C-alpha atoms as a PDB file:
ATOM      1  CA  MET A   1      91.415  82.865 101.723  1.00  0.00           C
ATOM      2  CA  ASP A   2      93.487  85.951 102.623  1.00  0.00           C
ATOM      3  CA  ASN A   3      95.185  87.164  99.328  1.00  0.00           C
ATOM      4  CA  ARG A   4      96.995  90.248 100.917  1.00  0.00           C
ATOM      5  CA  PHE A   5     100.594  90.588  99.879  1.00  0.00           C
ATOM      6  CA  GLU A   6     102.295  91.072 103.316  1.00  0.00           C
ATOM      7  CA  ASP A   7     105.779  90.370 101.776  1.00  0.00           C
ATOM      8  CA  SER A   8     105.431  92.116  98.417  1.00  0.00           C
ATOM      9  CA  PHE A   9     106.028  95.551  97.295  1.00  0.00           C
ATOM     10  CA  LEU A  10     105.763  97.912  94.241  1.00  0.00           C
ATOM     11  CA  GLU A  11     108.972  99.458  92.813  1.00  0.00           C
ATOM     12  CA  ILE A  12     108.975 102.079  90.051  1.00  0.00           C
ATOM     13  CA  TRP A  13     112.156 102.306  88.209  1.00  0.00           C
ATOM     14  CA  VAL A  14     113.203 104.667  85.314  1.00  0.00           C
ATOM     15  CA  MET A  15     115.634 104.580  82.721  1.00  0.00           C
ATOM     16  CA  LYS A  16     117.625 108.078  82.803  1.00  0.00           C
ATOM     17  CA  GLU A  17     119.431 107.326  79.564  1.00  0.00           C
ATOM     18  CA  TYR A  18     117.649 105.419  76.550  1.00  0.00           C
ATOM     19  CA  GLY A  19     119.672 102.223  75.796  1.00  0.00           C
ATOM     20  CA  ILE A  20     122.007 102.341  78.759  1.00  0.00           C
ATOM     21  CA  LYS A  21     121.006  99.470  81.014  1.00  0.00           C
ATOM     22  CA  GLU A  22     123.127 100.906  83.819  1.00  0.00           C
ATOM     23  CA  SER A  23     121.283 104.121  84.181  1.00  0.00           C
ATOM     24  CA  TRP A  24     118.087 102.370  85.624  1.00  0.00           C
ATOM     25  CA  THR A  25     117.217 104.310  88.832  1.00  0.00           C
ATOM     26  CA  LYS A  26     114.802 103.103  91.450  1.00  0.00           C
ATOM     27  CA  LEU A  27     112.648 105.998  92.254  1.00  0.00           C
ATOM     28  CA  ILE A  28     110.362 104.551  95.043  1.00  0.00           C
ATOM     29  CA  THR A  29     109.432 101.287  96.796  1.00  0.00           C
ATOM     30  CA  PHE A  30     105.884 100.908  98.627  1.00  0.00           C
ATOM     31  CA  GLY A  31     104.528  97.815 100.366  1.00  0.00           C
ATOM     32  CA  PRO A  32     100.763  97.378 101.199  1.00  0.00           C
ATOM     33  CA  GLN A  33      99.300 100.627 102.191  1.00  0.00           C
ATOM     34  CA  GLY A  34      97.089 101.345 105.323  1.00  0.00           C
ATOM     35  CA  PRO A  35      94.942  98.865 107.293  1.00  0.00           C
ATOM     36  CA  GLU A  36      93.626  95.913 105.088  1.00  0.00           C
ATOM     37  CA  ARG A  37      95.328  97.156 101.938  1.00  0.00           C
ATOM     38  CA  LEU A  38      96.616  95.181  99.218  1.00  0.00           C
ATOM     39  CA  LEU A  39      99.776  95.914  97.043  1.00  0.00           C
ATOM     40  CA  PRO A  40      99.236  99.031  95.188  1.00  0.00           C
ATOM     41  CA  ARG A  41      99.182  98.450  91.611  1.00  0.00           C
ATOM     42  CA  ALA A  42     100.797 101.337  89.336  1.00  0.00           C
ATOM     43  CA  LEU A  43      98.798 102.095  86.238  1.00  0.00           C
ATOM     44  CA  CYS A  44     100.485 104.926  84.469  1.00  0.00           C
ATOM     45  CA  PHE A  45     102.274 108.226  84.645  1.00  0.00           C
ATOM     46  CA  ARG A  46     100.171 111.280  84.746  1.00  0.00           C
ATOM     47  CA  LYS A  47     101.170 114.388  82.537  1.00  0.00           C
ATOM     48  CA  SER A  48     102.022 116.217  86.030  1.00  0.00           C
ATOM     49  CA  GLY A  49     104.549 113.388  86.630  1.00  0.00           C
ATOM     50  CA  GLU A  50     102.608 111.692  89.254  1.00  0.00           C
ATOM     51  CA  VAL A  51     101.607 108.040  89.125  1.00  0.00           C
ATOM     52  CA  LEU A  52      98.288 106.844  89.015  1.00  0.00           C
ATOM     53  CA  VAL A  53      97.614 103.889  91.579  1.00  0.00           C
ATOM     54  CA  LEU A  54      95.087 101.426  92.146  1.00  0.00           C
ATOM     55  CA  LEU A  55      94.628 100.597  95.912  1.00  0.00           C
ATOM     56  CA  THR A  56      92.521  97.643  96.687  1.00  0.00           C
ATOM     57  CA  ASP A  57      91.196  96.276  99.915  1.00  0.00           C
ATOM     58  CA  LYS A  58      88.752  93.357 100.660  1.00  0.00           C
ATOM     59  CA  SER A  59      85.634  95.081  99.423  1.00  0.00           C
ATOM     60  CA  ARG A  60      86.575  98.233  97.634  1.00  0.00           C
ATOM     61  CA  GLN A  61      89.258 100.086  95.177  1.00  0.00           C
ATOM     62  CA  GLU A  62      90.173 103.423  94.890  1.00  0.00           C
ATOM     63  CA  LEU A  63      92.234 105.374  92.264  1.00  0.00           C
ATOM     64  CA  VAL A  64      94.905 107.754  93.861  1.00  0.00           C
ATOM     65  CA  SER A  65      97.747 109.945  92.659  1.00  0.00           C
ATOM     66  CA  LEU A  66     101.247 109.167  93.909  1.00  0.00           C
ATOM     67  CA  ASP A  67     103.468 112.163  94.136  1.00  0.00           C
ATOM     68  CA  LEU A  68     106.939 110.783  93.691  1.00  0.00           C
ATOM     69  CA  GLU A  69     108.748 113.728  95.370  1.00  0.00           C
ATOM     70  CA  SER A  70     106.641 114.027  98.518  1.00  0.00           C
ATOM     71  CA  LYS A  71     105.980 110.285  98.439  1.00  0.00           C
ATOM     72  CA  GLN A  72     102.301 111.151  99.298  1.00  0.00           C
ATOM     73  CA  PHE A  73      99.053 109.550  97.902  1.00  0.00           C
ATOM     74  CA  LYS A  74      96.226 112.105  96.868  1.00  0.00           C
ATOM     75  CA  ASN A  75      92.929 110.792  96.838  1.00  0.00           C
ATOM     76  CA  LEU A  76      91.163 111.386  93.389  1.00  0.00           C
ATOM     77  CA  GLY A  77      87.655 110.690  94.714  1.00  0.00           C
ATOM     78  CA  ILE A  78      87.105 107.729  92.083  1.00  0.00           C
ATOM     79  CA  SER A  79      86.323 104.408  94.017  1.00  0.00           C
ATOM     80  CA  GLY A  80      84.293 101.417  93.370  1.00  0.00           C
ATOM     81  CA  TYR A  81      82.898  98.650  95.362  1.00  0.00           C
ATOM     82  CA  GLN A  82      84.076  94.765  94.516  1.00  0.00           C
ATOM     83  CA  CYS A  83      85.150  95.994  91.157  1.00  0.00           C
ATOM     84  CA  CYS A  84      86.768  99.071  89.522  1.00  0.00           C
ATOM     85  CA  ASN A  85      88.249  98.573  86.051  1.00  0.00           C
ATOM     86  CA  VAL A  86      90.728 100.601  84.640  1.00  0.00           C
ATOM     87  CA  GLY A  87      91.903 100.510  80.932  1.00  0.00           C
ATOM     88  CA  PHE A  88      95.198 101.642  80.013  1.00  0.00           C
ATOM     89  CA  TYR A  89      98.049 101.019  77.394  1.00  0.00           C
ATOM     90  CA  LYS A  90     101.671 100.576  77.764  1.00  0.00           C
ATOM     91  CA  GLU A  91     104.316 101.924  75.671  1.00  0.00           C
ATOM     92  CA  SER A  92     107.259  99.798  75.156  1.00  0.00           C
ATOM     93  CA  LEU A  93     111.111  99.954  74.551  1.00  0.00           C
ATOM     94  CA  LEU A  94     111.086  96.578  72.625  1.00  0.00           C
ATOM     95  CA  LEU A  95     112.807  96.676  69.371  1.00  0.00           C
ATOM     96  CA  LEU A  96     110.708  94.609  67.005  1.00  0.00           C
ATOM     97  CA  ASP A  97     112.705  94.697  63.801  1.00  0.00           C
ATOM     98  CA  LYS A  98     115.838  93.086  65.384  1.00  0.00           C
ATOM     99  CA  SER A  99     115.768  89.426  66.782  1.00  0.00           C
ATOM    100  CA  ASP A 100     119.056  89.640  68.793  1.00  0.00           C
ATOM    101  CA  ALA A 101     118.194  93.127  70.068  1.00  0.00           C
ATOM    102  CA  GLU A 102     118.422  93.651  73.900  1.00  0.00           C
ATOM    103  CA  SER A 103     115.239  95.159  75.378  1.00  0.00           C
ATOM    104  CA  TYR A 104     114.913  96.805  78.670  1.00  0.00           C
END
């Protein structure tokens, strides 16, 4: 089975002003990278402002850092065959104390 995402893409958006839904701005859009690459998966922002991305092909996965200004990937030298697991957490703008609150 071929599970590549030929028509899929990754978009990274940022909220410029907290709570103002019109302030959402698209930073970048990426499709599958390189020959035999699957859709890049954004994991988190680094302190440098770069995005940690997991790239996968049929037999291997690697972690790269994406510079949003130059739109270039930097190989971090971290890769695995068949399975490369990365744990991370996600902060949320969800308001838990208000049932009718609008979340972004």
